Amino acid sequence: MFGQLVIGPPGSVKRDVIIVNLDPANDRPPYEADVDVQSLIEVDEVMERLTLGPNGAILFCMEYIENNMETLKEMVMSQKAYVIFDCPGQVELYTHHAAFRNIVNCISKWGMQLCVVSLVDSHYCTDPAKFISVLLTSLSSMLHLELPHINVLSKIDLIDKMGPLAFKLNFYTEVLDLSYLLSELDERVCSKRFIKLNHALTGLVEDYNLVSFYPLNVQDIGSLHRLCKAVDKANGYVYGELEERTVAGLSQSDSGVNLEFEYDKSLQYDNR
């Protein structure tokens, strides 16, 4: 089986999928969940019984789920399909708290090949300080969760309404040379006190050289297509789906099979 964990702050392809609501605080998801973790535990109930705030309650819920993974496994694995996990929005779950990472590791042991799809609002690109924060959060999540990661700048179609960008969009998606971003940032009076810190933080991102972004415009079918291909490569779905055809083709042809072309033919989009 294959799946993806969709993470990011609160705020397709035709294939057999199930959606798992892995957020015990999401009591009004904009979809009908096939599996809902709130049948196990709910944040509101935890807050009331244990007199915890929302952040403490979500951490308690994730630790509870971690200790009841067999029940979740029965709910998910009984449906043989591609799985989309809709995850909570609290960033600490993906940067340093252990419970969610342990949940992910357990799901991987079910024989499911996963990747993380991390959604970030593109309006952060309009503020260099906020974009540096996004870079650090993305990098921390990638290192903490230890899974193939697809970082996404969402709502690109609205970016013109969010303010001017200092650079072209590919500067923010490719994340190659942040010295230009520092120049933009250092011009701000409030940031002059933190010049050395900003240089150290961007240097850290550049040294790891792991973070980049896919722009996503949900109104553009080409944008969805490119993102879907990236996700399917990251979790291996493209190879699992076409494995039999690929092996058969290799045995019948000296030139082999153009896997990319075969995969493109297998995608069917509803463009309504």
C-alpha atoms as a PDB file:
ATOM      1  CA  MET A   1       0.000   0.000   0.000  1.00  0.00           C
ATOM      2  CA  PHE A   2       0.992   3.617  -0.553  1.00  0.00           C
ATOM      3  CA  GLY A   3       0.113   6.829   1.202  1.00  0.00           C
ATOM      4  CA  GLN A   4       0.963  10.414   1.989  1.00  0.00           C
ATOM      5  CA  LEU A   5       0.917  12.484   5.153  1.00  0.00           C
ATOM      6  CA  VAL A   6      -0.398  15.982   4.475  1.00  0.00           C
ATOM      7  CA  ILE A   7       0.983  18.415   7.034  1.00  0.00           C
ATOM      8  CA  GLY A   8       1.043  22.185   7.372  1.00  0.00           C
ATOM      9  CA  PRO A   9      -0.584  24.999   9.320  1.00  0.00           C
ATOM     10  CA  PRO A  10      -4.389  25.025   9.595  1.00  0.00           C
ATOM     11  CA  GLY A  11      -5.646  27.151   7.221  1.00  0.00           C
ATOM     12  CA  SER A  12      -6.673  14.870  -8.417  1.00  0.00           C
ATOM     13  CA  VAL A  13      -6.052  11.983  -9.645  1.00  0.00           C
ATOM     14  CA  LYS A  14      -8.782   9.371 -10.215  1.00  0.00           C
ATOM     15  CA  ARG A  15      -7.628   6.434  -8.115  1.00  0.00           C
ATOM     16  CA  ASP A  16      -9.035   4.402  -5.264  1.00  0.00           C
ATOM     17  CA  VAL A  17      -8.188   6.432  -2.164  1.00  0.00           C
ATOM     18  CA  ILE A  18      -9.261   6.622   1.442  1.00  0.00           C
ATOM     19  CA  ILE A  19      -8.873   9.756   3.553  1.00  0.00           C
ATOM     20  CA  VAL A  20      -7.814   9.356   7.172  1.00  0.00           C
ATOM     21  CA  ASN A  21      -8.485  12.300   9.463  1.00  0.00           C
ATOM     22  CA  LEU A  22      -5.503  12.091  11.808  1.00  0.00           C
ATOM     23  CA  ASP A  23      -6.388  15.375  13.507  1.00  0.00           C
ATOM     24  CA  PRO A  24      -8.343  14.874  16.752  1.00  0.00           C
ATOM     25  CA  ALA A  25      -9.182  18.602  16.756  1.00  0.00           C
ATOM     26  CA  ASN A  26     -10.628  18.716  13.231  1.00  0.00           C
ATOM     27  CA  ASP A  27     -14.311  18.267  13.977  1.00  0.00           C
ATOM     28  CA  ARG A  28     -15.479  19.809  10.678  1.00  0.00           C
ATOM     29  CA  PRO A  29     -13.259  18.467   7.890  1.00  0.00           C
ATOM     30  CA  PRO A  30     -14.227  19.691   4.393  1.00  0.00           C
ATOM     31  CA  TYR A  31     -14.516  16.079   3.245  1.00  0.00           C
ATOM     32  CA  GLU A  32     -16.068  12.811   4.360  1.00  0.00           C
ATOM     33  CA  ALA A  33     -13.355  10.899   6.175  1.00  0.00           C
ATOM     34  CA  ASP A  34     -13.197   7.159   5.568  1.00  0.00           C
ATOM     35  CA  VAL A  35     -11.340   6.758   8.852  1.00  0.00           C
ATOM     36  CA  ASP A  36     -11.623   9.369  11.604  1.00  0.00           C
ATOM     37  CA  VAL A  37      -9.271   9.327  14.583  1.00  0.00           C
ATOM     38  CA  GLN A  38     -11.915  11.207  16.554  1.00  0.00           C
ATOM     39  CA  SER A  39     -13.678   7.891  17.005  1.00  0.00           C
ATOM     40  CA  LEU A  40     -10.737   7.117  19.307  1.00  0.00           C
ATOM     41  CA  ILE A  41     -10.154  10.466  21.012  1.00  0.00           C
ATOM     42  CA  GLU A  42     -11.210  14.107  20.683  1.00  0.00           C
ATOM     43  CA  VAL A  43      -9.363  17.251  21.710  1.00  0.00           C
ATOM     44  CA  ASP A  44     -12.445  18.938  23.209  1.00  0.00           C
ATOM     45  CA  GLU A  45     -13.079  15.994  25.512  1.00  0.00           C
ATOM     46  CA  VAL A  46      -9.438  15.909  26.614  1.00  0.00           C
ATOM     47  CA  MET A  47      -9.468  19.655  27.316  1.00  0.00           C
ATOM     48  CA  GLU A  48     -12.581  19.290  29.455  1.00  0.00           C
ATOM     49  CA  ARG A  49     -11.530  16.205  31.414  1.00  0.00           C
ATOM     50  CA  LEU A  50      -7.872  17.080  31.964  1.00  0.00           C
ATOM     51  CA  THR A  51      -8.234  20.893  32.045  1.00  0.00           C
ATOM     52  CA  LEU A  52      -5.617  21.280  29.312  1.00  0.00           C
ATOM     53  CA  GLY A  53      -5.265  24.017  26.741  1.00  0.00           C
ATOM     54  CA  PRO A  54      -5.629  23.219  23.019  1.00  0.00           C
ATOM     55  CA  ASN A  55      -1.896  22.660  22.424  1.00  0.00           C
ATOM     56  CA  GLY A  56      -1.448  20.445  25.475  1.00  0.00           C
ATOM     57  CA  ALA A  57      -4.575  18.508  24.540  1.00  0.00           C
ATOM     58  CA  ILE A  58      -3.388  17.813  20.987  1.00  0.00           C
ATOM     59  CA  LEU A  59      -0.073  16.494  22.317  1.00  0.00           C
ATOM     60  CA  PHE A  60      -1.934  14.246  24.757  1.00  0.00           C
ATOM     61  CA  CYS A  61      -4.143  12.979  21.917  1.00  0.00           C
ATOM     62  CA  MET A  62      -1.185  12.122  19.702  1.00  0.00           C
ATOM     63  CA  GLU A  63       0.471  10.224  22.561  1.00  0.00           C
ATOM     64  CA  TYR A  64      -2.809   8.354  23.096  1.00  0.00           C
ATOM     65  CA  ILE A  65      -2.938   7.439  19.397  1.00  0.00           C
ATOM     66  CA  GLU A  66       0.694   6.328  19.596  1.00  0.00           C
ATOM     67  CA  ASN A  67      -0.285   3.884  22.329  1.00  0.00           C
ATOM     68  CA  ASN A  68      -3.315   2.578  20.407  1.00  0.00           C
ATOM     69  CA  MET A  69      -1.860   1.986  16.966  1.00  0.00           C
ATOM     70  CA  GLU A  70      -3.312  -1.507  16.633  1.00  0.00           C
ATOM     71  CA  THR A  71      -6.821  -0.071  16.677  1.00  0.00           C
ATOM     72  CA  LEU A  72      -5.878   2.519  14.043  1.00  0.00           C
ATOM     73  CA  LYS A  73      -4.229  -0.202  11.971  1.00  0.00           C
ATOM     74  CA  GLU A  74      -7.428  -2.246  11.885  1.00  0.00           C
ATOM     75  CA  MET A  75      -9.386   0.808  10.756  1.00  0.00           C
ATOM     76  CA  VAL A  76      -6.955   1.769   7.979  1.00  0.00           C
ATOM     77  CA  MET A  77      -5.618  -1.519   6.651  1.00  0.00           C
ATOM     78  CA  SER A  78      -9.044  -3.094   6.256  1.00  0.00           C
ATOM     79  CA  GLN A  79      -9.482  -0.851   3.187  1.00  0.00           C
ATOM     80  CA  LYS A  80      -7.023  -1.669   0.424  1.00  0.00           C
ATOM     81  CA  ALA A  81      -6.479   1.690  -1.219  1.00  0.00           C
ATOM     82  CA  TYR A  82      -4.122   4.641  -1.536  1.00  0.00           C
ATOM     83  CA  VAL A  83      -4.213   6.464   1.809  1.00  0.00           C
ATOM     84  CA  ILE A  84      -4.177  10.211   2.403  1.00  0.00           C
ATOM     85  CA  PHE A  85      -3.574  11.144   6.035  1.00  0.00           C
ATOM     86  CA  ASP A  86      -4.855  14.603   6.943  1.00  0.00           C
ATOM     87  CA  CYS A  87      -2.639  15.618   9.858  1.00  0.00           C
ATOM     88  CA  PRO A  88      -2.908  18.241  12.621  1.00  0.00           C
ATOM     89  CA  GLY A  89      -1.581  21.751  12.076  1.00  0.00           C
ATOM     90  CA  GLN A  90       0.575  22.136  15.209  1.00  0.00           C
ATOM     91  CA  VAL A  91       4.130  22.548  13.931  1.00  0.00           C
ATOM     92  CA  GLU A  92       5.768  21.115  17.058  1.00  0.00           C
ATOM     93  CA  LEU A  93       4.423  17.684  16.133  1.00  0.00           C
ATOM     94  CA  TYR A  94       6.689  17.647  13.093  1.00  0.00           C
ATOM     95  CA  THR A  95       9.758  19.487  14.374  1.00  0.00           C
ATOM     96  CA  HIS A  96      10.618  18.024  17.780  1.00  0.00           C
ATOM     97  CA  HIS A  97       7.807  16.145  19.563  1.00  0.00           C
ATOM     98  CA  ALA A  98       8.304  12.380  19.400  1.00  0.00           C
ATOM     99  CA  ALA A  99       4.720  11.056  19.331  1.00  0.00           C
ATOM    100  CA  PHE A 100       3.889  11.836  15.699  1.00  0.00           C
ATOM    101  CA  ARG A 101       7.249  10.546  14.480  1.00  0.00           C
ATOM    102  CA  ASN A 102       6.590   7.300  16.361  1.00  0.00           C
ATOM    103  CA  ILE A 103       3.135   7.070  14.779  1.00  0.00           C
ATOM    104  CA  VAL A 104       4.676   7.503  11.321  1.00  0.00           C
ATOM    105  CA  ASN A 105       7.319   4.863  12.023  1.00  0.00           C
ATOM    106  CA  CYS A 106       4.607   2.446  13.135  1.00  0.00           C
ATOM    107  CA  ILE A 107       2.514   3.075   9.995  1.00  0.00           C
ATOM    108  CA  SER A 108       5.595   2.405   7.873  1.00  0.00           C
ATOM    109  CA  LYS A 109       5.936  -0.983   9.538  1.00  0.00           C
ATOM    110  CA  TRP A 110       2.459  -1.878   8.298  1.00  0.00           C
ATOM    111  CA  GLY A 111       4.030  -2.206   4.867  1.00  0.00           C
ATOM    112  CA  MET A 112       2.870   1.215   3.724  1.00  0.00           C
ATOM    113  CA  GLN A 113       5.245   3.378   1.670  1.00  0.00           C
ATOM    114  CA  LEU A 114       4.814   6.965   2.791  1.00  0.00           C
ATOM    115  CA  CYS A 115       5.942  10.449   1.937  1.00  0.00           C
ATOM    116  CA  VAL A 116       5.184  13.789   3.562  1.00  0.00           C
ATOM    117  CA  VAL A 117       3.418  16.548   1.649  1.00  0.00           C
ATOM    118  CA  SER A 118       4.063  19.751   3.580  1.00  0.00           C
ATOM    119  CA  LEU A 119       1.822  22.663   2.610  1.00  0.00           C
ATOM    120  CA  VAL A 120       2.946  26.252   3.241  1.00  0.00           C
ATOM    121  CA  ASP A 121       0.977  29.367   2.310  1.00  0.00           C
ATOM    122  CA  SER A 122       2.814  31.250  -0.435  1.00  0.00           C
ATOM    123  CA  HIS A 123       2.151  34.610   1.230  1.00  0.00           C
ATOM    124  CA  TYR A 124       5.185  33.946   3.438  1.00  0.00           C
ATOM    125  CA  CYS A 125       7.319  34.693   0.390  1.00  0.00           C
ATOM    126  CA  THR A 126       6.355  38.358   0.625  1.00  0.00           C
ATOM    127  CA  ASP A 127       8.217  38.744   3.938  1.00  0.00           C
ATOM    128  CA  PRO A 128      11.881  37.616   4.037  1.00  0.00           C
ATOM    129  CA  ALA A 129      11.842  37.045   7.803  1.00  0.00           C
ATOM    130  CA  LYS A 130       8.759  34.835   7.571  1.00  0.00           C
ATOM    131  CA  PHE A 131      10.220  32.934   4.626  1.00  0.00           C
ATOM    132  CA  ILE A 132      13.368  32.160   6.628  1.00  0.00           C
ATOM    133  CA  SER A 133      11.095  30.828   9.370  1.00  0.00           C
ATOM    134  CA  VAL A 134       9.333  28.629   6.811  1.00  0.00           C
ATOM    135  CA  LEU A 135      12.667  27.302   5.565  1.00  0.00           C
ATOM    136  CA  LEU A 136      13.772  26.381   9.085  1.00  0.00           C
ATOM    137  CA  THR A 137      10.448  24.726   9.891  1.00  0.00           C
ATOM    138  CA  SER A 138      10.534  22.717   6.658  1.00  0.00           C
ATOM    139  CA  LEU A 139      14.110  21.610   7.244  1.00  0.00           C
ATOM    140  CA  SER A 140      13.384  20.639  10.844  1.00  0.00           C
ATOM    141  CA  SER A 141      10.347  18.580   9.778  1.00  0.00           C
ATOM    142  CA  MET A 142      12.364  16.790   7.097  1.00  0.00           C
ATOM    143  CA  LEU A 143      15.095  15.842   9.546  1.00  0.00           C
ATOM    144  CA  HIS A 144      12.692  14.897  12.335  1.00  0.00           C
ATOM    145  CA  LEU A 145      10.258  12.725  10.385  1.00  0.00           C
ATOM    146  CA  GLU A 146      12.905  11.037   8.212  1.00  0.00           C
ATOM    147  CA  LEU A 147      10.586  10.448   5.247  1.00  0.00           C
ATOM    148  CA  PRO A 148      10.653  11.554   1.612  1.00  0.00           C
ATOM    149  CA  HIS A 149       9.380  15.125   1.697  1.00  0.00           C
ATOM    150  CA  ILE A 150       7.524  17.230  -0.865  1.00  0.00           C
ATOM    151  CA  ASN A 151       7.310  20.858   0.249  1.00  0.00           C
ATOM    152  CA  VAL A 152       4.556  22.855  -1.416  1.00  0.00           C
ATOM    153  CA  LEU A 153       3.909  26.591  -1.733  1.00  0.00           C
ATOM    154  CA  SER A 154       0.126  26.612  -1.890  1.00  0.00           C
ATOM    155  CA  LYS A 155      -2.303  29.308  -3.073  1.00  0.00           C
ATOM    156  CA  ILE A 156       0.102  30.539  -5.749  1.00  0.00           C
ATOM    157  CA  ASP A 157      -2.910  31.827  -7.675  1.00  0.00           C
ATOM    158  CA  LEU A 158      -3.491  34.363  -4.868  1.00  0.00           C
ATOM    159  CA  ILE A 159       0.088  35.522  -4.419  1.00  0.00           C
ATOM    160  CA  ASP A 160      -0.387  38.729  -6.446  1.00  0.00           C
ATOM    161  CA  LYS A 161      -2.981  39.839  -3.905  1.00  0.00           C
ATOM    162  CA  MET A 162      -0.623  39.267  -0.960  1.00  0.00           C
ATOM    163  CA  GLY A 163       1.942  41.935  -1.828  1.00  0.00           C
ATOM    164  CA  PRO A 164       4.954  42.279  -4.140  1.00  0.00           C
ATOM    165  CA  LEU A 165       7.729  39.690  -4.222  1.00  0.00           C
ATOM    166  CA  ALA A 166      11.309  40.913  -3.982  1.00  0.00           C
ATOM    167  CA  PHE A 167      12.413  38.210  -6.454  1.00  0.00           C
ATOM    168  CA  LYS A 168      10.936  35.944  -9.100  1.00  0.00           C
ATOM    169  CA  LEU A 169       8.985  32.934  -7.885  1.00  0.00           C
ATOM    170  CA  ASN A 170      11.701  30.430  -8.800  1.00  0.00           C
ATOM    171  CA  PHE A 171      13.993  32.079  -6.230  1.00  0.00           C
ATOM    172  CA  TYR A 172      11.603  30.912  -3.509  1.00  0.00           C
ATOM    173  CA  THR A 173      10.947  27.469  -4.954  1.00  0.00           C
ATOM    174  CA  GLU A 174      14.552  26.493  -5.730  1.00  0.00           C
ATOM    175  CA  VAL A 175      16.139  27.940  -2.533  1.00  0.00           C
ATOM    176  CA  LEU A 176      19.647  28.087  -4.018  1.00  0.00           C
ATOM    177  CA  ASP A 177      21.301  31.337  -2.898  1.00  0.00           C
ATOM    178  CA  LEU A 178      19.809  33.006   0.174  1.00  0.00           C
ATOM    179  CA  SER A 179      22.360  35.825   0.253  1.00  0.00           C
ATOM    180  CA  TYR A 180      19.957  37.873  -1.886  1.00  0.00           C
ATOM    181  CA  LEU A 181      17.230  37.294   0.681  1.00  0.00           C
ATOM    182  CA  LEU A 182      19.587  38.447   3.442  1.00  0.00           C
ATOM    183  CA  SER A 183      20.314  41.652   1.541  1.00  0.00           C
ATOM    184  CA  GLU A 184      16.589  42.334   1.384  1.00  0.00           C
ATOM    185  CA  LEU A 185      16.205  41.503   5.061  1.00  0.00           C
ATOM    186  CA  ASP A 186      19.176  43.538   6.281  1.00  0.00           C
ATOM    187  CA  GLU A 187      17.660  46.699   4.835  1.00  0.00           C
ATOM    188  CA  ARG A 188      14.974  46.562   7.487  1.00  0.00           C
ATOM    189  CA  VAL A 189      15.786  48.502  10.661  1.00  0.00           C
ATOM    190  CA  CYS A 190      14.220  45.907  12.940  1.00  0.00           C
ATOM    191  CA  SER A 191      16.478  43.166  11.597  1.00  0.00           C
ATOM    192  CA  LYS A 192      19.839  44.939  11.900  1.00  0.00           C
ATOM    193  CA  ARG A 193      20.259  43.650  15.444  1.00  0.00           C
ATOM    194  CA  PHE A 194      19.982  40.103  14.156  1.00  0.00           C
ATOM    195  CA  ILE A 195      22.238  40.218  11.090  1.00  0.00           C
ATOM    196  CA  LYS A 196      24.644  37.572  12.377  1.00  0.00           C
ATOM    197  CA  LEU A 197      21.774  35.338  13.478  1.00  0.00           C
ATOM    198  CA  ASN A 198      20.056  35.626  10.101  1.00  0.00           C
ATOM    199  CA  HIS A 199      23.278  34.757   8.287  1.00  0.00           C
ATOM    200  CA  ALA A 200      23.758  31.721  10.537  1.00  0.00           C
ATOM    201  CA  LEU A 201      20.191  30.487   9.992  1.00  0.00           C
ATOM    202  CA  THR A 202      20.239  30.826   6.211  1.00  0.00           C
ATOM    203  CA  GLY A 203      23.704  29.251   6.156  1.00  0.00           C
ATOM    204  CA  LEU A 204      22.259  26.257   7.989  1.00  0.00           C
ATOM    205  CA  VAL A 205      19.528  25.833   5.362  1.00  0.00           C
ATOM    206  CA  GLU A 206      22.055  26.124   2.529  1.00  0.00           C
ATOM    207  CA  ASP A 207      24.489  23.692   4.140  1.00  0.00           C
ATOM    208  CA  TYR A 208      21.847  20.944   4.332  1.00  0.00           C
ATOM    209  CA  ASN A 209      20.652  21.765   0.791  1.00  0.00           C
ATOM    210  CA  LEU A 210      17.447  19.797   1.284  1.00  0.00           C
ATOM    211  CA  VAL A 211      14.625  22.328   1.098  1.00  0.00           C
ATOM    212  CA  SER A 212      12.865  23.275  -2.116  1.00  0.00           C
ATOM    213  CA  PHE A 213       9.226  23.864  -2.985  1.00  0.00           C
ATOM    214  CA  TYR A 214       6.652  22.942  -5.603  1.00  0.00           C
ATOM    215  CA  PRO A 215       4.282  25.820  -6.461  1.00  0.00           C
ATOM    216  CA  LEU A 216       0.639  24.791  -6.346  1.00  0.00           C
ATOM    217  CA  ASN A 217      -2.225  26.518  -8.098  1.00  0.00           C
ATOM    218  CA  VAL A 218      -5.364  24.435  -7.654  1.00  0.00           C
ATOM    219  CA  GLN A 219      -6.925  26.214 -10.638  1.00  0.00           C
ATOM    220  CA  ASP A 220      -4.150  24.955 -12.931  1.00  0.00           C
ATOM    221  CA  ILE A 221      -4.336  21.296 -13.970  1.00  0.00           C
ATOM    222  CA  GLY A 222      -0.677  21.353 -15.021  1.00  0.00           C
ATOM    223  CA  SER A 223       0.349  22.455 -11.526  1.00  0.00           C
ATOM    224  CA  LEU A 224      -1.645  19.607  -9.982  1.00  0.00           C
ATOM    225  CA  HIS A 225      -0.162  17.157 -12.477  1.00  0.00           C
ATOM    226  CA  ARG A 226       3.433  18.097 -11.638  1.00  0.00           C
ATOM    227  CA  LEU A 227       2.797  17.883  -7.912  1.00  0.00           C
ATOM    228  CA  CYS A 228       1.057  14.527  -8.221  1.00  0.00           C
ATOM    229  CA  LYS A 229       3.994  13.128 -10.193  1.00  0.00           C
ATOM    230  CA  ALA A 230       6.440  14.377  -7.566  1.00  0.00           C
ATOM    231  CA  VAL A 231       4.469  12.815  -4.719  1.00  0.00           C
ATOM    232  CA  ASP A 232       4.077   9.500  -6.534  1.00  0.00           C
ATOM    233  CA  LYS A 233       7.809   9.329  -7.173  1.00  0.00           C
ATOM    234  CA  ALA A 234       8.586  10.221  -3.568  1.00  0.00           C
ATOM    235  CA  ASN A 235       6.580   7.365  -2.046  1.00  0.00           C
ATOM    236  CA  GLY A 236       7.252   4.939  -4.906  1.00  0.00           C
ATOM    237  CA  TYR A 237       3.661   4.724  -6.124  1.00  0.00           C
ATOM    238  CA  VAL A 238       4.706   5.305  -9.729  1.00  0.00           C
ATOM    239  CA  TYR A 239       6.924   2.233  -9.606  1.00  0.00           C
ATOM    240  CA  GLY A 240       4.511   0.047  -7.671  1.00  0.00           C
ATOM    241  CA  GLU A 241       1.614   0.879  -9.988  1.00  0.00           C
ATOM    242  CA  LEU A 242       3.606   0.154 -13.147  1.00  0.00           C
ATOM    243  CA  GLU A 243       5.890  -2.604 -11.891  1.00  0.00           C
ATOM    244  CA  GLU A 244       4.224  -5.469 -13.746  1.00  0.00           C
ATOM    245  CA  ARG A 245       3.962  -3.529 -17.014  1.00  0.00           C
ATOM    246  CA  THR A 246       7.567  -2.366 -16.698  1.00  0.00           C
ATOM    247  CA  VAL A 247       8.970  -5.849 -16.109  1.00  0.00           C
ATOM    248  CA  ALA A 248       6.915  -7.263 -18.967  1.00  0.00           C
ATOM    249  CA  GLY A 249       8.042  -4.493 -21.277  1.00  0.00           C
ATOM    250  CA  LEU A 250      11.699  -4.941 -20.401  1.00  0.00           C
ATOM    251  CA  SER A 251      11.508  -8.629 -21.174  1.00  0.00           C
ATOM    252  CA  GLN A 252       9.973  -7.964 -24.596  1.00  0.00           C
ATOM    253  CA  SER A 253      11.985  -4.981 -25.769  1.00  0.00           C
ATOM    254  CA  ASP A 254      15.700  -4.326 -26.027  1.00  0.00           C
ATOM    255  CA  SER A 255      15.092  -0.625 -25.552  1.00  0.00           C
ATOM    256  CA  GLY A 256      13.142  -1.068 -22.327  1.00  0.00           C
ATOM    257  CA  VAL A 257      10.155   1.011 -21.248  1.00  0.00           C
ATOM    258  CA  ASN A 258       9.793   4.753 -20.959  1.00  0.00           C
ATOM    259  CA  LEU A 259       8.466   4.730 -17.428  1.00  0.00           C
ATOM    260  CA  GLU A 260       7.744   8.444 -17.407  1.00  0.00           C
ATOM    261  CA  PHE A 261       5.597   8.165 -20.527  1.00  0.00           C
ATOM    262  CA  GLU A 262       3.764   5.099 -19.225  1.00  0.00           C
ATOM    263  CA  TYR A 263       3.061   6.869 -15.952  1.00  0.00           C
ATOM    264  CA  ASP A 264       1.700   9.947 -17.715  1.00  0.00           C
ATOM    265  CA  LYS A 265      -0.694   7.759 -19.668  1.00  0.00           C
ATOM    266  CA  SER A 266      -1.904   6.147 -16.425  1.00  0.00           C
ATOM    267  CA  LEU A 267      -2.983   9.468 -14.891  1.00  0.00           C
ATOM    268  CA  GLN A 268      -6.601  10.377 -15.429  1.00  0.00           C
ATOM    269  CA  TYR A 269      -7.744  13.824 -14.366  1.00  0.00           C
ATOM    270  CA  ASP A 270     -11.192  15.181 -13.850  1.00  0.00           C
ATOM    271  CA  ASN A 271     -10.925  18.683 -15.303  1.00  0.00           C
ATOM    272  CA  ARG A 272     -14.456  19.741 -14.529  1.00  0.00           C
END
